[in-house]
Every structure is written in C-alpha cells, then in structure tokens.
N, C-alpha and C. Protein backbone atom coordinates (compact mmCIF):
# COMPACT_ATOMS: atom_id res chain seq x y z
N UNK A 1 1.08 -1.26 0.18
CA UNK A 1 0.20 0.14 0.06
C UNK A 1 0.75 1.43 0.45
N UNK A 2 0.79 2.32 -1.07
CA UNK A 2 1.76 3.27 -1.09
C UNK A 2 1.08 4.62 -0.44
N UNK A 3 1.72 5.36 0.48
CA UNK A 3 1.01 6.34 1.34
C UNK A 3 1.77 7.68 0.75
N UNK A 4 1.28 8.25 0.27
CA UNK A 4 1.75 9.63 -0.33
C UNK A 4 1.68 10.75 0.97
N UNK A 5 2.76 11.85 0.22
CA UNK A 5 3.21 12.78 1.69
C UNK A 5 2.38 14.27 1.96
N UNK A 6 2.41 14.97 2.61
CA UNK A 6 1.83 16.23 2.53
C UNK A 6 2.11 16.72 1.58
N UNK A 7 1.35 17.51 0.72
CA UNK A 7 1.54 18.40 -0.40
C UNK A 7 2.58 19.70 -0.27
N UNK A 8 3.16 20.26 -1.07
CA UNK A 8 2.96 21.63 -0.98
C UNK A 8 3.20 21.80 -2.38
N UNK A 9 3.13 23.54 -2.75
CA UNK A 9 2.86 24.15 -3.39
C UNK A 9 1.53 24.60 -3.58
N UNK A 10 1.15 25.86 -4.52
CA UNK A 10 -0.07 26.42 -4.28
C UNK A 10 -1.53 25.34 -5.07
N UNK A 11 -0.88 24.42 -5.97
CA UNK A 11 -1.73 23.36 -6.17
C UNK A 11 -1.15 21.84 -5.19
N UNK A 12 -1.03 21.68 -4.18
CA UNK A 12 -0.55 20.99 -4.02
C UNK A 12 -1.49 19.56 -3.53
N UNK A 13 -2.55 20.42 -3.24
CA UNK A 13 -3.75 19.05 -2.56
C UNK A 13 -4.72 18.21 -3.73
N UNK A 14 -4.81 19.46 -4.79
CA UNK A 14 -4.65 18.96 -6.34
C UNK A 14 -4.00 18.16 -6.76
N UNK A 15 -2.61 17.47 -6.83
CA UNK A 15 -2.10 17.07 -7.22
C UNK A 15 -1.25 15.82 -6.69
N UNK A 16 -1.60 16.28 -5.09
CA UNK A 16 -1.43 15.41 -4.43
C UNK A 16 -1.49 13.50 -4.46
N UNK A 17 -0.34 12.94 -4.67
CA UNK A 17 -0.07 11.62 -4.57
C UNK A 17 -0.92 11.42 -6.38
N UNK A 18 -1.12 12.02 -7.40
CA UNK A 18 -1.02 12.05 -8.94
C UNK A 18 -0.40 10.88 -9.17
N UNK A 19 1.33 10.75 -8.82
CA UNK A 19 2.31 9.93 -9.49
C UNK A 19 1.78 8.25 -8.84
N UNK A 20 1.05 8.44 -7.77
CA UNK A 20 1.40 6.70 -6.92
C UNK A 20 0.64 6.33 -7.35
N UNK A 21 -0.39 5.79 -8.26
CA UNK A 21 -1.38 4.90 -9.11
C UNK A 21 -0.45 3.86 -10.37
N UNK A 22 0.40 5.13 -11.08
CA UNK A 22 1.54 4.88 -11.54
C UNK A 22 2.41 3.87 -10.95
N UNK A 23 3.02 4.21 -10.09
CA UNK A 23 4.15 3.68 -8.62
C UNK A 23 3.29 2.23 -8.54
N UNK A 24 1.71 2.47 -7.96
CA UNK A 24 1.50 1.15 -7.77
C UNK A 24 1.35 0.22 -8.93
N UNK A 25 0.86 0.42 -10.31
CA UNK A 25 0.80 0.13 -11.63
C UNK A 25 2.34 -1.13 -11.58
N UNK A 26 3.70 -0.35 -11.25
CA UNK A 26 4.93 -0.63 -11.75
C UNK A 26 5.14 -1.80 -10.48
N UNK A 27 4.80 -1.57 -9.38
CA UNK A 27 5.19 -2.51 -8.12
C UNK A 27 4.53 -3.67 -8.67
N UNK A 28 3.48 -3.30 -8.86
CA UNK A 28 2.24 -5.09 -9.20
C UNK A 28 3.15 -5.75 -10.08
N UNK A 29 3.33 -4.97 -11.44
CA UNK A 29 3.90 -5.67 -12.60
C UNK A 29 5.20 -6.30 -12.41
N UNK A 30 6.01 -5.25 -11.70
CA UNK A 30 7.29 -6.08 -11.13
C UNK A 30 7.43 -7.11 -10.41
N UNK A 31 6.68 -6.79 -9.66
CA UNK A 31 6.97 -7.51 -7.96
C UNK A 31 5.78 -8.48 -7.64
N UNK A 32 4.40 -8.38 -8.77
CA UNK A 32 3.36 -9.74 -8.36
C UNK A 32 2.67 -9.03 -7.70
N UNK A 33 3.11 -8.22 -6.96
CA UNK A 33 2.46 -7.79 -5.73
C UNK A 33 0.46 -7.15 -6.15
N UNK A 34 0.24 -7.30 -5.49
CA UNK A 34 -1.47 -6.68 -5.34
C UNK A 34 -1.20 -4.72 -4.91
N UNK A 35 -1.32 -3.97 -4.94
CA UNK A 35 -0.77 -2.83 -5.06
C UNK A 35 -2.01 -1.78 -5.02
N UNK A 36 -1.99 -0.85 -4.17
CA UNK A 36 -2.72 0.06 -3.54
C UNK A 36 -2.55 1.51 -3.43
N UNK A 37 -3.30 2.34 -4.02
CA UNK A 37 -2.49 3.59 -3.83
C UNK A 37 -4.26 4.59 -3.89
N UNK A 38 -4.01 5.27 -2.35
CA UNK A 38 -5.19 6.45 -2.28
C UNK A 38 -4.65 7.66 -2.21
N UNK A 39 -5.46 8.60 -1.89
CA UNK A 39 -5.56 10.05 -1.64
C UNK A 39 -6.42 9.68 -0.07
N UNK A 40 -5.31 10.88 0.79
CA UNK A 40 -5.97 11.12 2.13
C UNK A 40 -7.07 11.97 1.85
N UNK A 41 -7.52 12.34 3.42
CA UNK A 41 -8.84 13.11 2.98
C UNK A 41 -8.30 14.28 2.72
N UNK A 42 -8.96 15.31 1.92
CA UNK A 42 -8.33 16.77 1.63
C UNK A 42 -7.26 16.54 0.50
N UNK A 43 -6.72 15.33 0.33
CA UNK A 43 -6.28 15.52 -0.99
C UNK A 43 -7.01 14.87 -2.52
N UNK A 44 -5.82 15.41 -3.32
CA UNK A 44 -6.51 15.07 -4.71
C UNK A 44 -8.39 15.15 -4.42
N UNK A 45 -9.26 14.09 -5.20
CA UNK A 45 -10.46 14.12 -5.31
C UNK A 45 -11.27 13.66 -3.91
N UNK A 46 -10.84 13.46 -3.21
CA UNK A 46 -10.92 12.96 -1.41
C UNK A 46 -11.33 14.34 -0.64
N UNK A 47 -12.54 13.63 -0.26
CA UNK A 47 -13.56 15.02 0.63
C UNK A 47 -12.77 14.89 2.11
N UNK A 48 -12.68 16.28 2.91
CA UNK A 48 -12.20 15.80 3.98
C UNK A 48 -11.23 17.43 4.18
N UNK A 49 -10.56 17.57 5.76
CA UNK A 49 -10.01 18.26 5.72
C UNK A 49 -8.79 17.39 6.47
N UNK A 50 -7.72 18.28 6.36
CA UNK A 50 -6.26 17.25 7.06
C UNK A 50 -6.03 17.59 8.62
N UNK A 51 -6.15 15.71 8.72
CA UNK A 51 -5.68 16.19 10.29
C UNK A 51 -4.57 15.05 10.46
N UNK A 52 -3.80 14.83 11.38
CA UNK A 52 -3.28 13.84 11.88
C UNK A 52 -3.81 12.58 11.98
N UNK A 53 -5.03 13.00 12.95
CA UNK A 53 -5.83 12.11 13.28
C UNK A 53 -6.89 10.82 11.91
N UNK A 54 -7.20 11.96 11.51
CA UNK A 54 -7.79 11.63 10.13
C UNK A 54 -6.95 10.69 9.14
N UNK A 55 -5.71 11.63 8.61
CA UNK A 55 -5.16 10.82 7.99
C UNK A 55 -4.53 9.14 8.73
N UNK A 56 -4.04 10.01 9.97
CA UNK A 56 -3.95 7.78 10.78
C UNK A 56 -5.36 6.89 10.54
N UNK A 57 -6.27 7.36 10.31
CA UNK A 57 -7.85 6.45 10.06
C UNK A 57 -7.52 6.25 9.20
N UNK A 58 -7.47 7.31 7.83
CA UNK A 58 -7.05 6.74 6.30
C UNK A 58 -6.30 5.69 6.15
N UNK A 59 -5.66 5.48 6.64
CA UNK A 59 -3.94 4.52 6.45
C UNK A 59 -4.98 3.14 7.01
N UNK A 60 -5.58 3.62 8.28
CA UNK A 60 -6.04 1.82 8.97
C UNK A 60 -7.26 1.83 7.81
N UNK A 61 -8.10 2.37 7.42
CA UNK A 61 -9.25 2.26 6.36
C UNK A 61 -9.09 1.22 5.69
N UNK A 62 -7.35 1.62 4.54
CA UNK A 62 -6.91 1.07 3.56
C UNK A 62 -6.71 0.00 4.13
N UNK A 63 -5.28 -0.56 5.29
CA UNK A 63 -5.22 -1.69 5.54
C UNK A 63 -6.54 -2.92 5.27
N UNK A 64 -7.08 -1.79 6.14
CA UNK A 64 -8.99 -3.37 6.46
C UNK A 64 -9.06 -2.90 5.08
N UNK A 65 -9.32 -2.54 4.30
CA UNK A 65 -9.58 -2.55 2.38
C UNK A 65 -8.72 -4.24 2.16
N UNK A 66 -7.33 -3.93 1.94
CA UNK A 66 -6.26 -4.71 1.84
C UNK A 66 -6.34 -5.82 2.39
N UNK A 67 -6.36 -5.93 3.58
CA UNK A 67 -6.57 -7.45 4.76
C UNK A 67 -7.70 -7.87 4.53
N UNK A 68 -9.41 -7.50 4.21
CA UNK A 68 -10.03 -8.10 3.96
C UNK A 68 -10.43 -9.22 2.95
N UNK A 69 -9.23 -8.89 1.65
CA UNK A 69 -9.03 -9.63 0.27
C UNK A 69 -8.74 -11.22 0.92
N UNK A 70 -9.15 -12.04 0.21
CA UNK A 70 -8.56 -13.11 0.53
C UNK A 70 -7.57 -13.73 -0.13
N UNK A 71 -6.97 -12.94 -0.95
CA UNK A 71 -5.88 -13.23 -2.17
C UNK A 71 -4.61 -12.41 -1.16
N UNK A 72 -4.47 -11.64 -0.05
CA UNK A 72 -3.81 -11.07 0.75
C UNK A 72 -3.61 -12.03 1.93
N UNK A 73 -2.19 -12.26 2.00
CA UNK A 73 -1.50 -12.98 3.17
C UNK A 73 -1.18 -11.82 4.50
N UNK A 74 -0.86 -10.77 3.70
CA UNK A 74 -0.56 -9.93 5.20
C UNK A 74 -0.24 -8.43 4.16
N UNK A 75 -0.02 -7.37 4.97
CA UNK A 75 -0.09 -6.24 4.29
C UNK A 75 1.38 -5.43 4.45
N UNK A 76 2.05 -4.57 2.94
CA UNK A 76 2.90 -4.03 3.75
C UNK A 76 2.74 -2.51 3.25
N UNK A 77 3.45 -1.28 3.87
CA UNK A 77 3.15 0.10 3.74
C UNK A 77 4.29 0.47 3.19
N UNK A 78 4.31 1.37 2.11
CA UNK A 78 5.66 2.11 1.60
C UNK A 78 4.81 3.43 1.55
N UNK A 79 5.47 4.60 1.97
CA UNK A 79 4.84 6.04 2.53
C UNK A 79 5.81 6.54 2.34
N UNK A 80 5.75 8.03 1.50
CA UNK A 80 7.00 9.25 1.31
C UNK A 80 6.59 10.24 1.73
N UNK A 81 7.40 10.59 2.83
CA UNK A 81 7.22 12.10 3.29
C UNK A 81 6.50 11.87 4.88
N UNK A 82 5.10 12.77 5.04
CA UNK A 82 4.66 12.58 6.45
C UNK A 82 3.94 10.50 5.91
N UNK A 83 3.87 10.60 4.92
CA UNK A 83 2.98 9.32 4.65
C UNK A 83 3.80 8.12 5.35
N UNK A 84 5.56 8.00 5.04
CA UNK A 84 6.12 7.26 5.86
C UNK A 84 6.55 6.90 7.15
N UNK A 85 6.08 8.39 8.01
CA UNK A 85 6.10 8.53 8.98
C UNK A 85 4.93 7.59 9.82
N UNK A 86 3.28 8.30 8.85
CA UNK A 86 2.37 7.67 9.72
C UNK A 86 2.29 6.76 9.65
N UNK A 87 3.22 5.70 8.45
CA UNK A 87 3.04 4.47 7.93
C UNK A 87 3.72 3.43 9.26
N UNK A 88 4.64 4.00 9.48
CA UNK A 88 5.38 3.77 11.16
C UNK A 88 4.66 3.48 12.27
N UNK A 89 3.98 5.06 12.19
CA UNK A 89 2.95 4.59 13.67
C UNK A 89 1.83 4.18 13.19
N UNK A 90 1.07 3.78 12.32
CA UNK A 90 0.28 2.56 12.36
C UNK A 90 0.65 1.17 12.30
N UNK A 91 1.88 1.11 11.50
CA UNK A 91 2.13 -0.12 12.05
C UNK A 91 2.61 -0.55 13.34
N UNK A 92 3.07 0.15 13.85
CA UNK A 92 3.69 -0.67 15.08
C UNK A 92 2.22 -0.76 16.23
N UNK A 93 1.41 -0.11 15.56
CA UNK A 93 -0.02 -0.86 16.71
C UNK A 93 -0.72 -2.00 15.64
N UNK A 94 -0.14 -2.40 14.81
CA UNK A 94 -1.22 -3.34 14.03
C UNK A 94 -0.13 -4.52 13.40
N UNK A 95 -0.19 -5.91 13.69
CA UNK A 95 0.49 -6.36 13.44
C UNK A 95 -0.20 -7.49 11.94
N UNK A 96 -0.95 -6.97 11.67
CA UNK A 96 -1.44 -7.40 10.21
C UNK A 96 -0.43 -6.69 8.87
N UNK A 97 0.48 -5.83 9.87
CA UNK A 97 1.17 -4.88 8.62
C UNK A 97 2.96 -5.56 9.42
N UNK A 98 3.07 -6.65 7.61
CA UNK A 98 4.63 -7.30 8.44
C UNK A 98 5.64 -6.55 8.09
N UNK A 99 5.33 -5.29 7.12
CA UNK A 99 6.78 -4.20 6.65
C UNK A 99 6.42 -3.30 6.04
N UNK A 100 6.87 -1.99 6.77
CA UNK A 100 7.20 -1.26 6.44
C UNK A 100 8.28 -0.28 5.51
N UNK A 101 8.50 0.65 4.38
CA UNK A 101 9.74 1.24 3.94
C UNK A 101 8.78 2.58 3.61
N UNK A 102 10.00 3.64 4.04
CA UNK A 102 9.89 5.01 3.63
C UNK A 102 11.04 5.45 3.23
N UNK A 103 10.38 6.58 2.40
CA UNK A 103 11.36 7.50 1.56
C UNK A 103 11.18 8.74 1.93
N UNK A 104 11.85 9.07 2.82
CA UNK A 104 12.04 11.19 2.93
C UNK A 104 11.53 11.27 4.23
N UNK A 105 11.19 10.15 5.24
CA UNK A 105 10.20 9.81 6.23
C UNK A 105 10.62 11.42 7.48
N UNK A 106 9.82 11.94 8.09
CA UNK A 106 10.07 12.54 9.40
C UNK A 106 10.56 12.24 10.39
N UNK A 107 10.92 12.76 11.07
CA UNK A 107 11.44 12.07 12.82
C UNK A 107 10.54 12.91 13.60
N UNK A 108 9.93 13.73 13.19
CA UNK A 108 8.61 14.86 14.27
C UNK A 108 8.21 15.57 13.19
N UNK A 109 7.05 16.64 13.98
CA UNK A 109 5.95 17.19 12.84
C UNK A 109 6.55 18.22 14.21
N UNK A 110 6.84 18.60 15.56
CA UNK A 110 6.76 19.83 16.51
C UNK A 110 6.85 20.82 15.12
N UNK A 111 8.20 21.25 14.51
CA UNK A 111 8.21 22.62 14.40
C UNK A 111 7.66 22.67 13.48
N UNK A 112 6.79 22.18 12.62
CA UNK A 112 5.19 22.44 11.52
C UNK A 112 4.44 23.29 11.91
N UNK A 113 4.41 22.53 13.29
CA UNK A 113 2.61 23.25 14.26
C UNK A 113 3.60 24.22 15.93
N UNK A 114 4.66 25.17 15.18
CA UNK A 114 5.68 25.86 16.47
C UNK A 114 4.06 27.22 16.77
N UNK A 115 3.99 27.64 15.27
CA UNK A 115 3.15 28.66 15.08
C UNK A 115 1.61 28.09 14.43
N UNK A 116 0.58 27.21 15.04
CA UNK A 116 -0.24 26.73 14.74
C UNK A 116 -1.53 27.52 13.86
N UNK A 117 -1.34 29.08 14.10
CA UNK A 117 -2.51 29.64 13.51
C UNK A 117 -1.64 29.52 11.82
N UNK A 118 -0.38 29.90 11.65
CA UNK A 118 0.47 30.24 10.16
C UNK A 118 0.30 28.52 9.66
N UNK A 119 0.20 27.88 10.50
CA UNK A 119 0.41 26.45 9.77
C UNK A 119 -0.95 26.24 9.21
N UNK A 120 -1.91 26.53 9.99
CA UNK A 120 -3.35 26.06 9.76
C UNK A 120 -3.47 26.73 7.96
N UNK A 121 -3.34 28.30 8.40
CA UNK A 121 -3.23 29.32 6.67
C UNK A 121 -2.41 28.70 5.79
N UNK A 122 -1.49 27.71 6.01
CA UNK A 122 -0.40 27.03 5.02
C UNK A 122 -1.55 26.33 4.59
N UNK A 123 -2.24 25.34 5.35
CA UNK A 123 -3.35 24.31 4.77
C UNK A 123 -4.25 24.50 3.98
N UNK A 124 -4.33 25.96 4.46
CA UNK A 124 -5.86 26.16 3.02
C UNK A 124 -5.13 26.65 2.46
N UNK A 125 -3.98 27.67 2.28
CA UNK A 125 -3.62 28.02 1.39
C UNK A 125 -3.07 26.85 -0.01
N UNK A 126 -2.84 25.63 0.36
CA UNK A 126 -2.58 24.57 -0.56
C UNK A 126 -4.02 23.58 -0.53
N UNK A 127 -4.82 23.80 -0.17
CA UNK A 127 -6.62 23.23 -0.34
C UNK A 127 -6.29 21.83 0.35
N UNK A 128 -5.51 21.93 1.71
CA UNK A 128 -5.59 21.10 2.76
C UNK A 128 -6.93 20.83 3.67
N UNK A 129 -7.26 22.41 4.23
CA UNK A 129 -8.28 22.31 4.59
C UNK A 129 -9.23 23.35 3.85
N UNK A 130 -10.52 22.91 3.73
CA UNK A 130 -11.29 23.60 3.10
C UNK A 130 -12.40 24.40 3.67
N UNK A 131 -13.05 23.89 4.57
CA UNK A 131 -13.88 24.04 5.85
C UNK A 131 -13.66 25.15 6.43
N UNK A 132 -14.46 26.45 6.24
CA UNK A 132 -14.04 27.21 6.99
C UNK A 132 -14.13 27.19 8.89
N UNK A 133 -14.97 26.17 9.01
CA UNK A 133 -15.27 25.92 10.74
C UNK A 133 -14.06 24.64 10.67
N UNK A 134 -13.04 24.74 10.44
CA UNK A 134 -12.43 23.47 10.87
C UNK A 134 -10.89 24.22 10.70
N UNK A 135 -10.24 23.64 11.83
CA UNK A 135 -11.05 22.82 13.06
C UNK A 135 -11.64 23.31 14.23
N UNK A 136 -12.49 22.52 15.22
CA UNK A 136 -13.43 23.52 15.75
C UNK A 136 -12.34 23.99 16.71
N UNK A 137 -10.77 23.01 16.81
CA UNK A 137 -10.39 23.34 18.23
C UNK A 137 -9.39 23.97 17.03
N UNK A 138 -8.22 24.74 17.33
CA UNK A 138 -6.68 25.00 16.76
C UNK A 138 -5.97 24.32 17.35
N UNK A 139 -5.86 24.14 18.77
CA UNK A 139 -4.80 24.15 19.45
C UNK A 139 -5.46 22.51 19.53
N UNK A 140 -5.93 21.78 19.83
CA UNK A 140 -6.22 20.33 19.75
C UNK A 140 -6.32 19.82 18.42
N UNK A 141 -6.21 20.40 17.39
CA UNK A 141 -5.56 20.01 15.86
C UNK A 141 -3.99 19.99 16.01
N UNK A 142 -3.90 20.96 16.27
CA UNK A 142 -2.03 21.18 16.15
C UNK A 142 -1.44 20.70 16.94
N UNK A 143 -1.98 20.12 18.38
CA UNK A 143 -0.99 19.57 19.32
C UNK A 143 -1.50 17.89 18.63
N UNK A 144 -2.33 17.06 17.60
CA UNK A 144 -2.25 16.06 17.47
C UNK A 144 -1.63 15.86 16.24
N UNK A 145 -0.57 16.94 15.85
CA UNK A 145 -0.08 17.06 15.32
C UNK A 145 1.50 17.15 15.86
N UNK A 146 1.92 17.77 16.45
CA UNK A 146 2.80 17.62 17.26
C UNK A 146 3.23 16.55 17.93
N UNK A 147 1.71 15.81 18.54
CA UNK A 147 2.11 14.66 19.35
C UNK A 147 2.38 13.35 18.84
N UNK A 148 2.95 13.46 16.74
CA UNK A 148 3.21 12.20 16.13
C UNK A 148 4.46 11.94 16.85
N UNK A 149 4.75 10.63 16.91
CA UNK A 149 6.14 10.37 17.32
C UNK A 149 6.59 8.90 16.80
N UNK A 150 7.34 9.31 15.14
CA UNK A 150 8.06 7.97 14.46
C UNK A 150 9.05 7.07 14.84
N UNK A 151 9.66 8.26 15.81
CA UNK A 151 10.89 7.45 16.69
C UNK A 151 10.62 6.50 17.69
N UNK A 152 9.23 6.65 18.31
CA UNK A 152 8.82 5.98 19.45
C UNK A 152 8.48 5.30 18.85
N UNK A 153 7.30 5.40 17.84
CA UNK A 153 6.72 4.09 17.23
C UNK A 153 7.24 3.30 16.17
N UNK A 154 8.68 3.64 16.09
CA UNK A 154 9.30 2.59 15.25
C UNK A 154 10.52 1.43 16.70
N UNK A 155 9.95 2.16 17.47
CA UNK A 155 10.45 1.15 18.61
C UNK A 155 9.81 -0.02 18.47
N UNK A 156 8.67 -0.20 18.65
CA UNK A 156 7.58 -1.17 18.21
C UNK A 156 7.76 -2.11 17.28
N UNK A 157 8.13 -1.93 16.37
CA UNK A 157 8.51 -2.83 14.92
C UNK A 157 9.39 -3.56 14.90
N UNK A 158 10.47 -3.88 16.27
CA UNK A 158 11.29 -5.05 16.13
C UNK A 158 10.72 -6.21 15.64
N UNK A 159 11.68 -6.92 14.99
CA UNK A 159 10.79 -8.54 14.16
C UNK A 159 9.86 -8.32 12.97
N UNK A 160 10.20 -7.30 12.35
CA UNK A 160 8.95 -6.52 11.46
C UNK A 160 10.50 -5.51 10.47
N UNK A 161 10.67 -6.14 9.52
CA UNK A 161 11.57 -5.05 8.47
C UNK A 161 11.22 -3.52 8.35
N UNK A 162 11.92 -2.58 8.28
CA UNK A 162 11.58 -1.36 8.15
C UNK A 162 12.60 -1.37 6.88
N UNK A 163 12.50 -0.79 6.14
CA UNK A 163 13.34 0.06 4.79
C UNK A 163 13.42 1.21 4.91
N UNK A 164 14.50 2.00 5.70
CA UNK A 164 14.20 3.60 5.52
C UNK A 164 15.18 4.05 4.08
N UNK A 165 14.70 4.24 3.27
CA UNK A 165 14.98 5.21 2.22
C UNK A 165 15.54 6.47 2.16
N UNK A 166 16.42 7.45 2.09
CA UNK A 166 16.37 8.82 2.31
C UNK A 166 17.30 9.41 1.10
N UNK A 167 17.89 10.88 0.82
CA UNK A 167 18.90 11.04 -0.38
C UNK A 167 19.49 11.51 0.91
N UNK A 168 20.82 11.47 0.24
CA UNK A 168 21.97 12.47 1.10
C UNK A 168 21.88 14.06 0.94
N UNK A 169 21.35 14.48 -0.39
CA UNK A 169 21.28 15.86 -0.49
C UNK A 169 19.60 16.20 -0.07
N UNK A 170 19.05 15.66 0.54
CA UNK A 170 17.78 16.05 0.68
C UNK A 170 17.42 17.49 1.50
N UNK A 171 16.69 18.35 0.79
CA UNK A 171 17.18 19.82 1.40
C UNK A 171 15.44 20.15 2.25
N UNK A 172 14.85 19.18 2.21
CA UNK A 172 13.82 18.98 3.27
C UNK A 172 14.05 18.84 4.01
N UNK A 173 13.69 17.18 4.54
CA UNK A 173 14.27 16.23 5.42
C UNK A 173 16.00 15.98 6.00
N UNK A 174 16.62 16.85 6.81
CA UNK A 174 17.56 16.09 6.95
C UNK A 174 18.28 14.65 6.62
N UNK A 175 18.90 14.29 6.19
CA UNK A 175 19.20 12.78 6.44
C UNK A 175 19.20 12.19 8.21
N UNK A 176 19.38 13.38 8.95
CA UNK A 176 19.44 12.56 10.16
C UNK A 176 18.52 11.81 11.02
N UNK A 177 17.04 12.57 10.29
CA UNK A 177 16.05 11.95 10.25
C UNK A 177 15.90 10.75 10.09
N UNK A 178 16.22 9.95 9.11
CA UNK A 178 16.38 8.60 8.72
C UNK A 178 17.30 7.90 9.37
N UNK A 179 18.45 8.22 9.87
CA UNK A 179 19.21 7.77 10.55
C UNK A 179 18.41 7.18 12.16
N UNK A 180 18.10 8.13 12.80
CA UNK A 180 17.01 8.26 13.92
C UNK A 180 15.77 7.22 13.85
N UNK A 181 15.58 7.23 12.50
CA UNK A 181 14.10 6.30 12.75
C UNK A 181 14.72 4.58 12.76
N UNK A 182 15.91 4.47 12.08
CA UNK A 182 16.51 3.19 11.55
C UNK A 182 17.06 3.01 13.10
N UNK A 183 17.81 3.06 13.45
CA UNK A 183 18.59 3.37 14.83
C UNK A 183 16.99 3.16 15.90
N UNK A 184 16.14 3.42 15.92
CA UNK A 184 15.00 3.18 16.76
C UNK A 184 14.43 2.22 16.37
N UNK A 185 14.48 1.39 15.15
CA UNK A 185 13.47 0.08 14.51
C UNK A 185 14.68 -0.66 14.83
N UNK A 186 16.37 -0.73 15.24
CA UNK A 186 16.57 -1.91 15.90
C UNK A 186 17.11 -2.81 14.56
N UNK A 187 18.01 -4.09 14.59
CA UNK A 187 18.37 -4.95 13.80
C UNK A 187 17.01 -5.09 12.86
N UNK A 188 16.05 -4.61 12.61
CA UNK A 188 15.53 -5.38 11.44
C UNK A 188 15.37 -4.14 10.89
N UNK A 189 15.86 -3.08 11.17
CA UNK A 189 15.64 -1.71 9.79
C UNK A 189 16.77 -1.89 8.94
N UNK A 190 16.68 -1.20 7.69
CA UNK A 190 17.86 -1.00 6.83
C UNK A 190 18.14 0.24 6.03
N UNK A 191 19.11 0.94 6.50
CA UNK A 191 18.87 2.24 6.10
C UNK A 191 19.81 2.48 4.83
N UNK A 192 19.59 3.11 3.74
CA UNK A 192 19.91 3.13 2.32
C UNK A 192 19.93 4.52 2.35
N UNK A 193 20.72 5.23 1.97
CA UNK A 193 20.95 6.63 1.75
C UNK A 193 21.45 6.82 0.41
N UNK A 194 20.82 7.57 -0.62
CA UNK A 194 20.78 7.18 -2.03
C UNK A 194 21.68 8.31 -2.20
N UNK A 195 22.96 8.66 -2.88
CA UNK A 195 23.91 9.39 -2.82
C UNK A 195 23.41 10.35 -4.11
N UNK A 196 23.68 11.84 -3.58
CA UNK A 196 22.79 12.47 -4.38
C UNK A 196 21.80 12.66 -4.67
N UNK A 197 21.04 12.00 -3.74
CA UNK A 197 19.52 12.05 -4.27
C UNK A 197 18.72 13.16 -3.40
N UNK A 198 17.68 13.59 -3.71
CA UNK A 198 16.78 15.04 -2.88
C UNK A 198 15.63 14.22 -2.67
N UNK A 199 14.99 15.10 -2.15
CA UNK A 199 13.25 14.74 -1.38
C UNK A 199 12.76 13.92 -1.99
N UNK A 200 12.88 14.33 -3.56
CA UNK A 200 11.49 13.70 -4.20
C UNK A 200 11.90 11.53 -4.56
N UNK A 201 12.04 11.16 -3.44
CA UNK A 201 13.01 9.96 -4.18
C UNK A 201 12.07 9.10 -4.95
N UNK A 202 10.55 9.06 -4.90
CA UNK A 202 9.66 8.16 -5.79
C UNK A 202 10.06 8.41 -7.23
N UNK A 203 10.99 9.47 -7.44
CA UNK A 203 11.13 9.51 -8.82
C UNK A 203 12.79 9.61 -9.13
N UNK A 204 13.12 8.59 -8.02
CA UNK A 204 14.68 8.92 -8.65
C UNK A 204 14.30 6.89 -8.78
N UNK A 205 15.21 6.26 -9.81
CA UNK A 205 15.21 5.08 -10.07
C UNK A 205 16.22 4.37 -9.30
N UNK A 206 16.90 4.87 -9.09
CA UNK A 206 17.99 3.87 -7.62
C UNK A 206 17.05 3.57 -6.22
N UNK A 207 16.22 4.43 -6.17
CA UNK A 207 15.53 4.53 -4.72
C UNK A 207 14.14 3.13 -4.97
N UNK A 208 13.48 3.77 -6.58
CA UNK A 208 12.55 2.43 -6.65
C UNK A 208 13.23 0.86 -6.65
N UNK A 209 14.54 1.12 -7.60
CA UNK A 209 14.91 -0.39 -7.59
C UNK A 209 15.34 -0.93 -6.26
N UNK A 210 15.91 -0.18 -5.17
CA UNK A 210 15.93 -0.59 -3.86
C UNK A 210 15.01 -1.12 -3.06
N UNK A 211 14.01 -0.44 -3.44
CA UNK A 211 12.53 -0.66 -2.92
C UNK A 211 12.06 -1.86 -3.26
N UNK A 212 12.04 -2.35 -4.93
CA UNK A 212 11.78 -3.08 -5.63
C UNK A 212 12.21 -4.49 -5.00
N UNK A 213 13.58 -4.28 -4.96
CA UNK A 213 14.37 -5.22 -4.35
C UNK A 213 13.87 -5.71 -3.15
N UNK A 214 13.90 -4.91 -1.63
CA UNK A 214 13.25 -4.74 -0.75
C UNK A 214 12.13 -5.77 -0.50
N UNK A 215 11.12 -5.85 -1.76
CA UNK A 215 9.85 -6.38 -1.55
C UNK A 215 9.99 -7.74 -1.86
N UNK A 216 11.25 -7.81 -2.79
CA UNK A 216 11.21 -9.46 -3.71
C UNK A 216 11.71 -10.70 -2.19
N UNK A 217 12.32 -9.51 -1.35
CA UNK A 217 12.88 -10.54 0.04
C UNK A 217 11.60 -10.91 1.42
N UNK A 218 10.91 -9.97 1.65
CA UNK A 218 9.50 -9.88 2.03
C UNK A 218 9.39 -11.01 2.22
N UNK A 219 8.80 -12.13 1.38
CA UNK A 219 7.78 -13.23 1.54
C UNK A 219 8.91 -14.12 2.04
N UNK A 220 7.97 -14.76 3.63
CA UNK A 220 8.64 -15.77 4.48
C UNK A 220 7.56 -16.34 5.11
C-alpha cells in the first residue's frame, strides 16, 4: 500500500498523490504484488480536511480494505515524507502490517505547528483544509500533529522489517531523521542513503530499484 506525503505548492492538494497509481502499477507489474494507492482526506478528489488523526484513520481504513481480501496474506506499507512517518505509526499497533518502507520520512512534526495559526493558514492555501469552520479547536488540531512520534513507534517494530530510504542531499528532511528512525527500529531496519538524491525519492530510479528489491525479499 502506497501512502503519499503532505503536499507542497499552491496546487498541492489537487495533485497530491497523482503519480502514485503509476508507481503502484509498476510495483504490481514487476513484483507480482497487489498494490493500492489512495488519497488521504483533503488530497486529490478526497473529501474532508487534513488532520493527523484523520490521516492515520485513512491508512487504517486502507489496510482494512487490503486485509479483507482473500488473496492477501499480509500488508506492507510504503510511505513518502509524512506518509512514511504515519505508516510507521500505524504499523506499530497493527500486526497485520508485516513491513514498512519509507522514503524521505520525518522523525517529528513539532516544528510544523510551532505557530498553529500560521500552519493552518498554509494548509488552507494549498487546499488541504477547505471548511472555514475546521478545525473546531485549533490547539487540539495542532497538538495532534505535534504528538506524532515516529521514532517512538519505530521502537515497536522489531521483528518486522523496516526499509528507510533517504537522499543524501535532501534539503527538506535532513538525513539525520532517517538515521534516527532506523536506529529506533533496531536490527530489523535497513537504512539506505541514496547518494546525491534529493527529497522526491519516488522519482529516483535507484530508490525505486531498492524498494522493489526489498519487496522481493519480504515473502517468508
């Protein structure tokens, strides 16, 4: 299951996740796996407004959709940026998820909501929050984002594989985030730093080759 990240730019929400169906098709074609891509609430054509708990619920619902299929023996998650961080957090509490791969994932989101009003204005500007009356409680909404803790949740993943892919030249998420996530997961984690790669790893053929190779090693 492919989990896109938090969008950027003025048309962010409209095009968020637009290339993920193509990547899902490639995963299915080259690995033989069933692959699912989706848009979180507030992104693409999905209704609703962005919140941390809402996006976690969206991943959980997608996991339920896959896990209910008779031809699925387990669920693996791949997430980019925030999607990778949330994938770790969901997997930590759902043993149906048998592995996680992250691309350019964050270790924390506290800096995002240091000024809650400013971040809310940003989410409105890129179309992730569309309802003028949302959220009903600004500080609770911001607290939900600040309390996300992928490093803590990665500590609950031992015995389940975690692939942490990160670009050495990522100017959005420092590579130290990747090292901290991998260290937290212990021996089950595999850290791959892609030389001279930037933030958008899903467009880097080396990163996708590493992801596909990792998937090939997952059936056990």
